[in-house]
mmCIF file of all heavy atoms, coordinates in Angstrom:
data_MODEL
# 
_entry.id   MODEL 
# 
loop_
_atom_site.group_PDB 
_atom_site.id 
_atom_site.type_symbol 
_atom_site.label_atom_id 
_atom_site.label_alt_id 
_atom_site.label_comp_id 
_atom_site.label_asym_id 
_atom_site.label_entity_id 
_atom_site.label_seq_id 
_atom_site.pdbx_PDB_ins_code 
_atom_site.Cartn_x 
_atom_site.Cartn_y 
_atom_site.Cartn_z 
_atom_site.occupancy 
_atom_site.B_iso_or_equiv 
_atom_site.pdbx_formal_charge 
_atom_site.auth_seq_id 
_atom_site.auth_comp_id 
_atom_site.auth_asym_id 
_atom_site.auth_atom_id 
_atom_site.pdbx_PDB_model_num 
ATOM 1   N N   . ILE A 1 1  ? 8.024   -7.437  -5.755  1.00 0.00 ? 1  ILE A N   1 
ATOM 2   C CA  . ILE A 1 1  ? 7.797   -6.111  -5.198  1.00 0.00 ? 1  ILE A CA  1 
ATOM 3   C C   . ILE A 1 1  ? 6.882   -6.187  -3.971  1.00 0.00 ? 1  ILE A C   1 
ATOM 4   O O   . ILE A 1 1  ? 7.123   -5.536  -2.953  1.00 0.00 ? 1  ILE A O   1 
ATOM 5   C CB  . ILE A 1 1  ? 7.223   -5.133  -6.260  1.00 0.00 ? 1  ILE A CB  1 
ATOM 6   C CG1 . ILE A 1 1  ? 6.916   -3.765  -5.626  1.00 0.00 ? 1  ILE A CG1 1 
ATOM 7   C CG2 . ILE A 1 1  ? 5.982   -5.695  -6.941  1.00 0.00 ? 1  ILE A CG2 1 
ATOM 8   C CD1 . ILE A 1 1  ? 8.107   -3.073  -4.996  1.00 0.00 ? 1  ILE A CD1 1 
ATOM 9   N N   . GLY A 1 2  ? 5.850   -7.016  -4.061  1.00 0.00 ? 2  GLY A N   1 
ATOM 10  C CA  . GLY A 1 2  ? 4.932   -7.159  -2.937  1.00 0.00 ? 2  GLY A CA  1 
ATOM 11  C C   . GLY A 1 2  ? 5.584   -7.821  -1.739  1.00 0.00 ? 2  GLY A C   1 
ATOM 12  O O   . GLY A 1 2  ? 5.355   -7.427  -0.582  1.00 0.00 ? 2  GLY A O   1 
ATOM 13  N N   . LYS A 1 3  ? 6.382   -8.829  -2.008  1.00 0.00 ? 3  LYS A N   1 
ATOM 14  C CA  . LYS A 1 3  ? 7.066   -9.533  -0.920  1.00 0.00 ? 3  LYS A CA  1 
ATOM 15  C C   . LYS A 1 3  ? 8.056   -8.620  -0.201  1.00 0.00 ? 3  LYS A C   1 
ATOM 16  O O   . LYS A 1 3  ? 8.170   -8.648  1.029   1.00 0.00 ? 3  LYS A O   1 
ATOM 17  C CB  . LYS A 1 3  ? 7.759   -10.785 -1.466  1.00 0.00 ? 3  LYS A CB  1 
ATOM 18  C CG  . LYS A 1 3  ? 6.773   -11.848 -1.938  1.00 0.00 ? 3  LYS A CG  1 
ATOM 19  C CD  . LYS A 1 3  ? 7.474   -13.004 -2.633  1.00 0.00 ? 3  LYS A CD  1 
ATOM 20  C CE  . LYS A 1 3  ? 6.456   -14.023 -3.143  1.00 0.00 ? 3  LYS A CE  1 
ATOM 21  N NZ  . LYS A 1 3  ? 7.088   -15.129 -3.896  1.00 0.00 ? 3  LYS A NZ  1 
ATOM 22  N N   . GLU A 1 4  ? 8.772   -7.801  -0.969  1.00 0.00 ? 4  GLU A N   1 
ATOM 23  C CA  . GLU A 1 4  ? 9.731   -6.874  -0.369  1.00 0.00 ? 4  GLU A CA  1 
ATOM 24  C C   . GLU A 1 4  ? 9.019   -5.765  0.408   1.00 0.00 ? 4  GLU A C   1 
ATOM 25  O O   . GLU A 1 4  ? 9.475   -5.349  1.478   1.00 0.00 ? 4  GLU A O   1 
ATOM 26  C CB  . GLU A 1 4  ? 10.627  -6.268  -1.445  1.00 0.00 ? 4  GLU A CB  1 
ATOM 27  C CG  . GLU A 1 4  ? 11.653  -7.233  -2.009  1.00 0.00 ? 4  GLU A CG  1 
ATOM 28  C CD  . GLU A 1 4  ? 12.656  -7.699  -0.958  1.00 0.00 ? 4  GLU A CD  1 
ATOM 29  O OE1 . GLU A 1 4  ? 13.070  -6.887  -0.111  1.00 0.00 ? 4  GLU A OE1 1 
ATOM 30  O OE2 . GLU A 1 4  ? 13.019  -8.898  -0.984  1.00 0.00 ? 4  GLU A OE2 1 
ATOM 31  N N   . LEU A 1 5  ? 7.899   -5.288  -0.137  1.00 0.00 ? 5  LEU A N   1 
ATOM 32  C CA  . LEU A 1 5  ? 7.130   -4.253  0.552   1.00 0.00 ? 5  LEU A CA  1 
ATOM 33  C C   . LEU A 1 5  ? 6.547   -4.793  1.851   1.00 0.00 ? 5  LEU A C   1 
ATOM 34  O O   . LEU A 1 5  ? 6.576   -4.125  2.897   1.00 0.00 ? 5  LEU A O   1 
ATOM 35  C CB  . LEU A 1 5  ? 6.004   -3.744  -0.366  1.00 0.00 ? 5  LEU A CB  1 
ATOM 36  C CG  . LEU A 1 5  ? 5.132   -2.610  0.185   1.00 0.00 ? 5  LEU A CG  1 
ATOM 37  C CD1 . LEU A 1 5  ? 5.968   -1.397  0.561   1.00 0.00 ? 5  LEU A CD1 1 
ATOM 38  C CD2 . LEU A 1 5  ? 4.063   -2.228  -0.843  1.00 0.00 ? 5  LEU A CD2 1 
ATOM 39  N N   . ASN A 1 6  ? 6.045   -6.012  1.795   1.00 0.00 ? 6  ASN A N   1 
ATOM 40  C CA  . ASN A 1 6  ? 5.491   -6.655  2.981   1.00 0.00 ? 6  ASN A CA  1 
ATOM 41  C C   . ASN A 1 6  ? 6.569   -6.832  4.059   1.00 0.00 ? 6  ASN A C   1 
ATOM 42  O O   . ASN A 1 6  ? 6.344   -6.554  5.247   1.00 0.00 ? 6  ASN A O   1 
ATOM 43  C CB  . ASN A 1 6  ? 4.896   -8.004  2.602   1.00 0.00 ? 6  ASN A CB  1 
ATOM 44  C CG  . ASN A 1 6  ? 4.127   -8.639  3.734   1.00 0.00 ? 6  ASN A CG  1 
ATOM 45  O OD1 . ASN A 1 6  ? 3.131   -8.100  4.205   1.00 0.00 ? 6  ASN A OD1 1 
ATOM 46  N ND2 . ASN A 1 6  ? 4.596   -9.788  4.211   1.00 0.00 ? 6  ASN A ND2 1 
ATOM 47  N N   . LYS A 1 7  ? 7.741   -7.261  3.622   1.00 0.00 ? 7  LYS A N   1 
ATOM 48  C CA  . LYS A 1 7  ? 8.858   -7.459  4.556   1.00 0.00 ? 7  LYS A CA  1 
ATOM 49  C C   . LYS A 1 7  ? 9.275   -6.137  5.198   1.00 0.00 ? 7  LYS A C   1 
ATOM 50  O O   . LYS A 1 7  ? 9.526   -6.062  6.415   1.00 0.00 ? 7  LYS A O   1 
ATOM 51  C CB  . LYS A 1 7  ? 10.036  -8.078  3.806   1.00 0.00 ? 7  LYS A CB  1 
ATOM 52  C CG  . LYS A 1 7  ? 11.261  -8.342  4.673   1.00 0.00 ? 7  LYS A CG  1 
ATOM 53  C CD  . LYS A 1 7  ? 12.411  -8.904  3.834   1.00 0.00 ? 7  LYS A CD  1 
ATOM 54  C CE  . LYS A 1 7  ? 13.675  -9.052  4.671   1.00 0.00 ? 7  LYS A CE  1 
ATOM 55  N NZ  . LYS A 1 7  ? 14.825  -9.510  3.854   1.00 0.00 ? 7  LYS A NZ  1 
ATOM 56  N N   . LEU A 1 8  ? 9.355   -5.090  4.388   1.00 0.00 ? 8  LEU A N   1 
ATOM 57  C CA  . LEU A 1 8  ? 9.723   -3.771  4.898   1.00 0.00 ? 8  LEU A CA  1 
ATOM 58  C C   . LEU A 1 8  ? 8.747   -3.314  5.983   1.00 0.00 ? 8  LEU A C   1 
ATOM 59  O O   . LEU A 1 8  ? 9.154   -2.847  7.057   1.00 0.00 ? 8  LEU A O   1 
ATOM 60  C CB  . LEU A 1 8  ? 9.729   -2.753  3.751   1.00 0.00 ? 8  LEU A CB  1 
ATOM 61  C CG  . LEU A 1 8  ? 9.848   -1.284  4.172   1.00 0.00 ? 8  LEU A CG  1 
ATOM 62  C CD1 . LEU A 1 8  ? 11.283  -0.949  4.523   1.00 0.00 ? 8  LEU A CD1 1 
ATOM 63  C CD2 . LEU A 1 8  ? 9.330   -0.356  3.077   1.00 0.00 ? 8  LEU A CD2 1 
ATOM 64  N N   . LEU A 1 9  ? 7.454   -3.448  5.687   1.00 0.00 ? 9  LEU A N   1 
ATOM 65  C CA  . LEU A 1 9  ? 6.446   -2.983  6.637   1.00 0.00 ? 9  LEU A CA  1 
ATOM 66  C C   . LEU A 1 9  ? 6.449   -3.801  7.917   1.00 0.00 ? 9  LEU A C   1 
ATOM 67  O O   . LEU A 1 9  ? 6.265   -3.258  9.015   1.00 0.00 ? 9  LEU A O   1 
ATOM 68  C CB  . LEU A 1 9  ? 5.063   -2.994  5.973   1.00 0.00 ? 9  LEU A CB  1 
ATOM 69  C CG  . LEU A 1 9  ? 4.880   -1.898  4.915   1.00 0.00 ? 9  LEU A CG  1 
ATOM 70  C CD1 . LEU A 1 9  ? 3.583   -2.101  4.146   1.00 0.00 ? 9  LEU A CD1 1 
ATOM 71  C CD2 . LEU A 1 9  ? 4.899   -0.512  5.544   1.00 0.00 ? 9  LEU A CD2 1 
ATOM 72  N N   . LEU A 1 10 ? 6.675   -5.101  7.790   1.00 0.00 ? 10 LEU A N   1 
ATOM 73  C CA  . LEU A 1 10 ? 6.780   -5.931  8.999   1.00 0.00 ? 10 LEU A CA  1 
ATOM 74  C C   . LEU A 1 10 ? 7.944   -5.451  9.864   1.00 0.00 ? 10 LEU A C   1 
ATOM 75  O O   . LEU A 1 10 ? 7.826   -5.365  11.091  1.00 0.00 ? 10 LEU A O   1 
ATOM 76  C CB  . LEU A 1 10 ? 6.967   -7.402  8.626   1.00 0.00 ? 10 LEU A CB  1 
ATOM 77  C CG  . LEU A 1 10 ? 5.726   -8.144  8.125   1.00 0.00 ? 10 LEU A CG  1 
ATOM 78  C CD1 . LEU A 1 10 ? 6.107   -9.530  7.622   1.00 0.00 ? 10 LEU A CD1 1 
ATOM 79  C CD2 . LEU A 1 10 ? 4.669   -8.265  9.235   1.00 0.00 ? 10 LEU A CD2 1 
ATOM 80  N N   . ASP A 1 11 ? 9.044   -5.113  9.223   1.00 0.00 ? 11 ASP A N   1 
ATOM 81  C CA  . ASP A 1 11 ? 10.210  -4.597  9.946   1.00 0.00 ? 11 ASP A CA  1 
ATOM 82  C C   . ASP A 1 11 ? 9.901   -3.266  10.626  1.00 0.00 ? 11 ASP A C   1 
ATOM 83  O O   . ASP A 1 11 ? 10.507  -2.930  11.654  1.00 0.00 ? 11 ASP A O   1 
ATOM 84  C CB  . ASP A 1 11 ? 11.397  -4.408  9.003   1.00 0.00 ? 11 ASP A CB  1 
ATOM 85  C CG  . ASP A 1 11 ? 12.005  -5.733  8.551   1.00 0.00 ? 11 ASP A CG  1 
ATOM 86  O OD1 . ASP A 1 11 ? 11.724  -6.765  9.196   1.00 0.00 ? 11 ASP A OD1 1 
ATOM 87  O OD2 . ASP A 1 11 ? 12.746  -5.737  7.542   1.00 0.00 ? 11 ASP A OD2 1 
ATOM 88  N N   . LYS A 1 12 ? 8.952   -2.519  10.049  1.00 0.00 ? 12 LYS A N   1 
ATOM 89  C CA  . LYS A 1 12 ? 8.573   -1.222  10.619  1.00 0.00 ? 12 LYS A CA  1 
ATOM 90  C C   . LYS A 1 12 ? 7.406   -1.328  11.587  1.00 0.00 ? 12 LYS A C   1 
ATOM 91  O O   . LYS A 1 12 ? 6.898   -0.322  12.089  1.00 0.00 ? 12 LYS A O   1 
ATOM 92  C CB  . LYS A 1 12 ? 8.204   -0.246  9.481   1.00 0.00 ? 12 LYS A CB  1 
ATOM 93  C CG  . LYS A 1 12 ? 9.332   0.023   8.490   1.00 0.00 ? 12 LYS A CG  1 
ATOM 94  C CD  . LYS A 1 12 ? 10.521  0.684   9.148   1.00 0.00 ? 12 LYS A CD  1 
ATOM 95  C CE  . LYS A 1 12 ? 11.630  0.974   8.136   1.00 0.00 ? 12 LYS A CE  1 
ATOM 96  N NZ  . LYS A 1 12 ? 12.816  1.595   8.766   1.00 0.00 ? 12 LYS A NZ  1 
ATOM 97  N N   . GLY A 1 13 ? 6.936   -2.567  11.827  1.00 0.00 ? 13 GLY A N   1 
ATOM 98  C CA  . GLY A 1 13 ? 5.868   -2.756  12.800  1.00 0.00 ? 13 GLY A CA  1 
ATOM 99  C C   . GLY A 1 13 ? 4.463   -2.736  12.246  1.00 0.00 ? 13 GLY A C   1 
ATOM 100 O O   . GLY A 1 13 ? 3.495   -2.503  12.980  1.00 0.00 ? 13 GLY A O   1 
ATOM 101 N N   . ILE A 1 14 ? 4.329   -3.005  10.919  1.00 0.00 ? 14 ILE A N   1 
ATOM 102 C CA  . ILE A 1 14 ? 3.019   -2.957  10.264  1.00 0.00 ? 14 ILE A CA  1 
ATOM 103 C C   . ILE A 1 14 ? 2.732   -4.276  9.541   1.00 0.00 ? 14 ILE A C   1 
ATOM 104 O O   . ILE A 1 14 ? 3.594   -4.807  8.833   1.00 0.00 ? 14 ILE A O   1 
ATOM 105 C CB  . ILE A 1 14 ? 2.971   -1.814  9.221   1.00 0.00 ? 14 ILE A CB  1 
ATOM 106 C CG1 . ILE A 1 14 ? 3.205   -0.454  9.889   1.00 0.00 ? 14 ILE A CG1 1 
ATOM 107 C CG2 . ILE A 1 14 ? 1.647   -1.831  8.463   1.00 0.00 ? 14 ILE A CG2 1 
ATOM 108 C CD1 . ILE A 1 14 ? 2.092   0.022   10.789  1.00 0.00 ? 14 ILE A CD1 1 
ATOM 109 N N   . VAL A 1 15 ? 1.501   -4.796  9.703   1.00 0.00 ? 15 VAL A N   1 
ATOM 110 C CA  . VAL A 1 15 ? 1.056   -6.000  9.009   1.00 0.00 ? 15 VAL A CA  1 
ATOM 111 C C   . VAL A 1 15 ? 0.045   -5.593  7.939   1.00 0.00 ? 15 VAL A C   1 
ATOM 112 O O   . VAL A 1 15 ? -0.945  -4.918  8.233   1.00 0.00 ? 15 VAL A O   1 
ATOM 113 C CB  . VAL A 1 15 ? 0.399   -7.003  9.982   1.00 0.00 ? 15 VAL A CB  1 
ATOM 114 C CG1 . VAL A 1 15 ? -0.053  -8.264  9.224   1.00 0.00 ? 15 VAL A CG1 1 
ATOM 115 C CG2 . VAL A 1 15 ? 1.355   -7.376  11.111  1.00 0.00 ? 15 VAL A CG2 1 
ATOM 116 N N   . LEU A 1 16 ? 0.295   -5.974  6.688   1.00 0.00 ? 16 LEU A N   1 
ATOM 117 C CA  . LEU A 1 16 ? -0.655  -5.715  5.602   1.00 0.00 ? 16 LEU A CA  1 
ATOM 118 C C   . LEU A 1 16 ? -1.772  -6.758  5.651   1.00 0.00 ? 16 LEU A C   1 
ATOM 119 O O   . LEU A 1 16 ? -1.513  -7.948  5.538   1.00 0.00 ? 16 LEU A O   1 
ATOM 120 C CB  . LEU A 1 16 ? 0.059   -5.774  4.252   1.00 0.00 ? 16 LEU A CB  1 
ATOM 121 C CG  . LEU A 1 16 ? 0.914   -4.560  3.876   1.00 0.00 ? 16 LEU A CG  1 
ATOM 122 C CD1 . LEU A 1 16 ? 1.725   -4.857  2.619   1.00 0.00 ? 16 LEU A CD1 1 
ATOM 123 C CD2 . LEU A 1 16 ? 0.050   -3.336  3.649   1.00 0.00 ? 16 LEU A CD2 1 
ATOM 124 N N   . ILE A 1 17 ? -2.990  -6.296  5.803   1.00 0.00 ? 17 ILE A N   1 
ATOM 125 C CA  . ILE A 1 17 ? -4.136  -7.199  5.935   1.00 0.00 ? 17 ILE A CA  1 
ATOM 126 C C   . ILE A 1 17 ? -4.883  -7.358  4.608   1.00 0.00 ? 17 ILE A C   1 
ATOM 127 O O   . ILE A 1 17 ? -5.148  -8.466  4.161   1.00 0.00 ? 17 ILE A O   1 
ATOM 128 C CB  . ILE A 1 17 ? -5.114  -6.683  7.012   1.00 0.00 ? 17 ILE A CB  1 
ATOM 129 C CG1 . ILE A 1 17 ? -4.389  -6.470  8.350   1.00 0.00 ? 17 ILE A CG1 1 
ATOM 130 C CG2 . ILE A 1 17 ? -6.285  -7.643  7.180   1.00 0.00 ? 17 ILE A CG2 1 
ATOM 131 C CD1 . ILE A 1 17 ? -3.784  -7.712  8.950   1.00 0.00 ? 17 ILE A CD1 1 
ATOM 132 N N   . SER A 1 18 ? -5.252  -6.232  3.979   1.00 0.00 ? 18 SER A N   1 
ATOM 133 C CA  . SER A 1 18 ? -5.939  -6.265  2.674   1.00 0.00 ? 18 SER A CA  1 
ATOM 134 C C   . SER A 1 18 ? -5.207  -5.347  1.703   1.00 0.00 ? 18 SER A C   1 
ATOM 135 O O   . SER A 1 18 ? -4.978  -4.171  2.010   1.00 0.00 ? 18 SER A O   1 
ATOM 136 C CB  . SER A 1 18 ? -7.395  -5.788  2.802   1.00 0.00 ? 18 SER A CB  1 
ATOM 137 O OG  . SER A 1 18 ? -8.190  -6.722  3.471   1.00 0.00 ? 18 SER A OG  1 
ATOM 138 N N   . TRP A 1 19 ? -4.836  -5.885  0.544   1.00 0.00 ? 19 TRP A N   1 
ATOM 139 C CA  . TRP A 1 19 ? -4.159  -5.098  -0.489  1.00 0.00 ? 19 TRP A CA  1 
ATOM 140 C C   . TRP A 1 19 ? -5.222  -4.421  -1.353  1.00 0.00 ? 19 TRP A C   1 
ATOM 141 O O   . TRP A 1 19 ? -5.951  -5.088  -2.093  1.00 0.00 ? 19 TRP A O   1 
ATOM 142 C CB  . TRP A 1 19 ? -3.264  -5.991  -1.337  1.00 0.00 ? 19 TRP A CB  1 
ATOM 143 C CG  . TRP A 1 19 ? -2.090  -6.538  -0.589  1.00 0.00 ? 19 TRP A CG  1 
ATOM 144 C CD1 . TRP A 1 19 ? -2.126  -7.347  0.516   1.00 0.00 ? 19 TRP A CD1 1 
ATOM 145 C CD2 . TRP A 1 19 ? -0.703  -6.306  -0.867  1.00 0.00 ? 19 TRP A CD2 1 
ATOM 146 N NE1 . TRP A 1 19 ? -0.845  -7.638  0.931   1.00 0.00 ? 19 TRP A NE1 1 
ATOM 147 C CE2 . TRP A 1 19 ? 0.054   -7.018  0.102   1.00 0.00 ? 19 TRP A CE2 1 
ATOM 148 C CE3 . TRP A 1 19 ? -0.026  -5.580  -1.846  1.00 0.00 ? 19 TRP A CE3 1 
ATOM 149 C CZ2 . TRP A 1 19 ? 1.444   -7.011  0.115   1.00 0.00 ? 19 TRP A CZ2 1 
ATOM 150 C CZ3 . TRP A 1 19 ? 1.372   -5.581  -1.839  1.00 0.00 ? 19 TRP A CZ3 1 
ATOM 151 C CH2 . TRP A 1 19 ? 2.084   -6.281  -0.867  1.00 0.00 ? 19 TRP A CH2 1 
ATOM 152 N N   . ILE A 1 20 ? -5.304  -3.102  -1.283  1.00 0.00 ? 20 ILE A N   1 
ATOM 153 C CA  . ILE A 1 20 ? -6.360  -2.358  -1.966  1.00 0.00 ? 20 ILE A CA  1 
ATOM 154 C C   . ILE A 1 20 ? -5.743  -1.294  -2.866  1.00 0.00 ? 20 ILE A C   1 
ATOM 155 O O   . ILE A 1 20 ? -4.940  -0.477  -2.421  1.00 0.00 ? 20 ILE A O   1 
ATOM 156 C CB  . ILE A 1 20 ? -7.302  -1.677  -0.943  1.00 0.00 ? 20 ILE A CB  1 
ATOM 157 C CG1 . ILE A 1 20 ? -7.915  -2.721  -0.002  1.00 0.00 ? 20 ILE A CG1 1 
ATOM 158 C CG2 . ILE A 1 20 ? -8.401  -0.884  -1.664  1.00 0.00 ? 20 ILE A CG2 1 
ATOM 159 C CD1 . ILE A 1 20 ? -8.587  -2.118  1.213   1.00 0.00 ? 20 ILE A CD1 1 
ATOM 160 N N   . TRP A 1 21 ? -6.127  -1.302  -4.135  1.00 0.00 ? 21 TRP A N   1 
ATOM 161 C CA  . TRP A 1 21 ? -5.681  -0.289  -5.093  1.00 0.00 ? 21 TRP A CA  1 
ATOM 162 C C   . TRP A 1 21 ? -6.876  0.500   -5.593  1.00 0.00 ? 21 TRP A C   1 
ATOM 163 O O   . TRP A 1 21 ? -7.974  -0.043  -5.746  1.00 0.00 ? 21 TRP A O   1 
ATOM 164 C CB  . TRP A 1 21 ? -4.969  -0.934  -6.277  1.00 0.00 ? 21 TRP A CB  1 
ATOM 165 C CG  . TRP A 1 21 ? -3.599  -1.446  -5.960  1.00 0.00 ? 21 TRP A CG  1 
ATOM 166 C CD1 . TRP A 1 21 ? -3.265  -2.695  -5.513  1.00 0.00 ? 21 TRP A CD1 1 
ATOM 167 C CD2 . TRP A 1 21 ? -2.372  -0.719  -6.025  1.00 0.00 ? 21 TRP A CD2 1 
ATOM 168 N NE1 . TRP A 1 21 ? -1.913  -2.793  -5.313  1.00 0.00 ? 21 TRP A NE1 1 
ATOM 169 C CE2 . TRP A 1 21 ? -1.325  -1.588  -5.619  1.00 0.00 ? 21 TRP A CE2 1 
ATOM 170 C CE3 . TRP A 1 21 ? -2.036  0.599   -6.394  1.00 0.00 ? 21 TRP A CE3 1 
ATOM 171 C CZ2 . TRP A 1 21 ? 0.006   -1.191  -5.577  1.00 0.00 ? 21 TRP A CZ2 1 
ATOM 172 C CZ3 . TRP A 1 21 ? -0.708  0.985   -6.348  1.00 0.00 ? 21 TRP A CZ3 1 
ATOM 173 C CH2 . TRP A 1 21 ? 0.292   0.099   -5.949  1.00 0.00 ? 21 TRP A CH2 1 
ATOM 174 N N   . GLN A 1 22 ? -6.643  1.781   -5.872  1.00 0.00 ? 22 GLN A N   1 
ATOM 175 C CA  . GLN A 1 22 ? -7.705  2.618   -6.435  1.00 0.00 ? 22 GLN A CA  1 
ATOM 176 C C   . GLN A 1 22 ? -7.150  3.523   -7.530  1.00 0.00 ? 22 GLN A C   1 
ATOM 177 O O   . GLN A 1 22 ? -6.068  4.098   -7.380  1.00 0.00 ? 22 GLN A O   1 
ATOM 178 C CB  . GLN A 1 22 ? -8.321  3.506   -5.354  1.00 0.00 ? 22 GLN A CB  1 
ATOM 179 C CG  . GLN A 1 22 ? -9.150  2.741   -4.337  1.00 0.00 ? 22 GLN A CG  1 
ATOM 180 C CD  . GLN A 1 22 ? -9.875  3.700   -3.424  1.00 0.00 ? 22 GLN A CD  1 
ATOM 181 O OE1 . GLN A 1 22 ? -9.377  4.063   -2.372  1.00 0.00 ? 22 GLN A OE1 1 
ATOM 182 N NE2 . GLN A 1 22 ? -11.053 4.127   -3.834  1.00 0.00 ? 22 GLN A NE2 1 
ATOM 183 N N   . ALA A 1 23 ? -7.904  3.647   -8.607  1.00 0.00 ? 23 ALA A N   1 
ATOM 184 C CA  . ALA A 1 23 ? -7.543  4.597   -9.656  1.00 0.00 ? 23 ALA A CA  1 
ATOM 185 C C   . ALA A 1 23 ? -7.930  5.992   -9.190  1.00 0.00 ? 23 ALA A C   1 
ATOM 186 O O   . ALA A 1 23 ? -8.818  6.167   -8.359  1.00 0.00 ? 23 ALA A O   1 
ATOM 187 C CB  . ALA A 1 23 ? -8.259  4.252   -10.951 1.00 0.00 ? 23 ALA A CB  1 
ATOM 188 N N   . GLY A 1 24 ? -7.238  6.988   -9.753  1.00 0.00 ? 24 GLY A N   1 
ATOM 189 C CA  . GLY A 1 24 ? -7.535  8.358   -9.353  1.00 0.00 ? 24 GLY A CA  1 
ATOM 190 C C   . GLY A 1 24 ? -7.969  9.228   -10.512 1.00 0.00 ? 24 GLY A C   1 
ATOM 191 O O   . GLY A 1 24 ? -7.756  8.899   -11.679 1.00 0.00 ? 24 GLY A O   1 
ATOM 192 N N   . GLY A 1 25 ? -8.563  10.352  -10.163 1.00 0.00 ? 25 GLY A N   1 
ATOM 193 C CA  . GLY A 1 25 ? -8.981  11.344  -11.138 1.00 0.00 ? 25 GLY A CA  1 
ATOM 194 C C   . GLY A 1 25 ? -8.646  12.728  -10.620 1.00 0.00 ? 25 GLY A C   1 
ATOM 195 O O   . GLY A 1 25 ? -7.996  12.879  -9.585  1.00 0.00 ? 25 GLY A O   1 
ATOM 196 N N   . VAL A 1 26 ? -9.116  13.748  -11.346 1.00 0.00 ? 26 VAL A N   1 
ATOM 197 C CA  . VAL A 1 26 ? -8.843  15.131  -10.958 1.00 0.00 ? 26 VAL A CA  1 
ATOM 198 C C   . VAL A 1 26 ? -10.133 15.939  -10.979 1.00 0.00 ? 26 VAL A C   1 
ATOM 199 O O   . VAL A 1 26 ? -10.838 15.965  -11.988 1.00 0.00 ? 26 VAL A O   1 
ATOM 200 C CB  . VAL A 1 26 ? -7.835  15.806  -11.921 1.00 0.00 ? 26 VAL A CB  1 
ATOM 201 C CG1 . VAL A 1 26 ? -7.419  17.175  -11.371 1.00 0.00 ? 26 VAL A CG1 1 
ATOM 202 C CG2 . VAL A 1 26 ? -6.621  14.932  -12.158 1.00 0.00 ? 26 VAL A CG2 1 
ATOM 203 N N   . ALA A 1 27 ? -10.429 16.577  -9.854  1.00 0.00 ? 27 ALA A N   1 
ATOM 204 C CA  . ALA A 1 27 ? -11.541 17.524  -9.795  1.00 0.00 ? 27 ALA A CA  1 
ATOM 205 C C   . ALA A 1 27 ? -10.950 18.920  -9.822  1.00 0.00 ? 27 ALA A C   1 
ATOM 206 O O   . ALA A 1 27 ? -9.980  19.200  -9.111  1.00 0.00 ? 27 ALA A O   1 
ATOM 207 C CB  . ALA A 1 27 ? -12.337 17.321  -8.507  1.00 0.00 ? 27 ALA A CB  1 
ATOM 208 N N   . SER A 1 28 ? -11.500 19.789  -10.656 1.00 0.00 ? 28 SER A N   1 
ATOM 209 C CA  . SER A 1 28 ? -10.941 21.139  -10.770 1.00 0.00 ? 28 SER A CA  1 
ATOM 210 C C   . SER A 1 28 ? -12.043 22.196  -10.872 1.00 0.00 ? 28 SER A C   1 
ATOM 211 O O   . SER A 1 28 ? -13.166 21.903  -11.277 1.00 0.00 ? 28 SER A O   1 
ATOM 212 C CB  . SER A 1 28 ? -9.989  21.232  -11.966 1.00 0.00 ? 28 SER A CB  1 
ATOM 213 O OG  . SER A 1 28 ? -10.566 20.687  -13.134 1.00 0.00 ? 28 SER A OG  1 
ATOM 214 N N   . ARG A 1 29 ? -11.682 23.405  -10.501 1.00 0.00 ? 29 ARG A N   1 
ATOM 215 C CA  . ARG A 1 29 ? -12.663 24.476  -10.394 1.00 0.00 ? 29 ARG A CA  1 
ATOM 216 C C   . ARG A 1 29 ? -12.858 25.266  -11.689 1.00 0.00 ? 29 ARG A C   1 
ATOM 217 O O   . ARG A 1 29 ? -13.978 25.540  -12.098 1.00 0.00 ? 29 ARG A O   1 
ATOM 218 C CB  . ARG A 1 29 ? -12.250 25.448  -9.279  1.00 0.00 ? 29 ARG A CB  1 
ATOM 219 C CG  . ARG A 1 29 ? -12.154 24.804  -7.916  1.00 0.00 ? 29 ARG A CG  1 
ATOM 220 C CD  . ARG A 1 29 ? -11.539 25.728  -6.871  1.00 0.00 ? 29 ARG A CD  1 
ATOM 221 N NE  . ARG A 1 29 ? -12.491 26.741  -6.438  1.00 0.00 ? 29 ARG A NE  1 
ATOM 222 C CZ  . ARG A 1 29 ? -12.278 28.048  -6.514  1.00 0.00 ? 29 ARG A CZ  1 
ATOM 223 N NH1 . ARG A 1 29 ? -11.150 28.507  -7.036  1.00 0.00 ? 29 ARG A NH1 1 
ATOM 224 N NH2 . ARG A 1 29 ? -13.189 28.894  -6.102  1.00 0.00 ? 29 ARG A NH2 1 
# 
């Protein structure tokens, strides 16, 4: 999946430099 994503982005003119993931949460009123 990473190799295909990297290839896609290179084809679109983008180089992946740092692979960063973040978990998310929900803030509500």
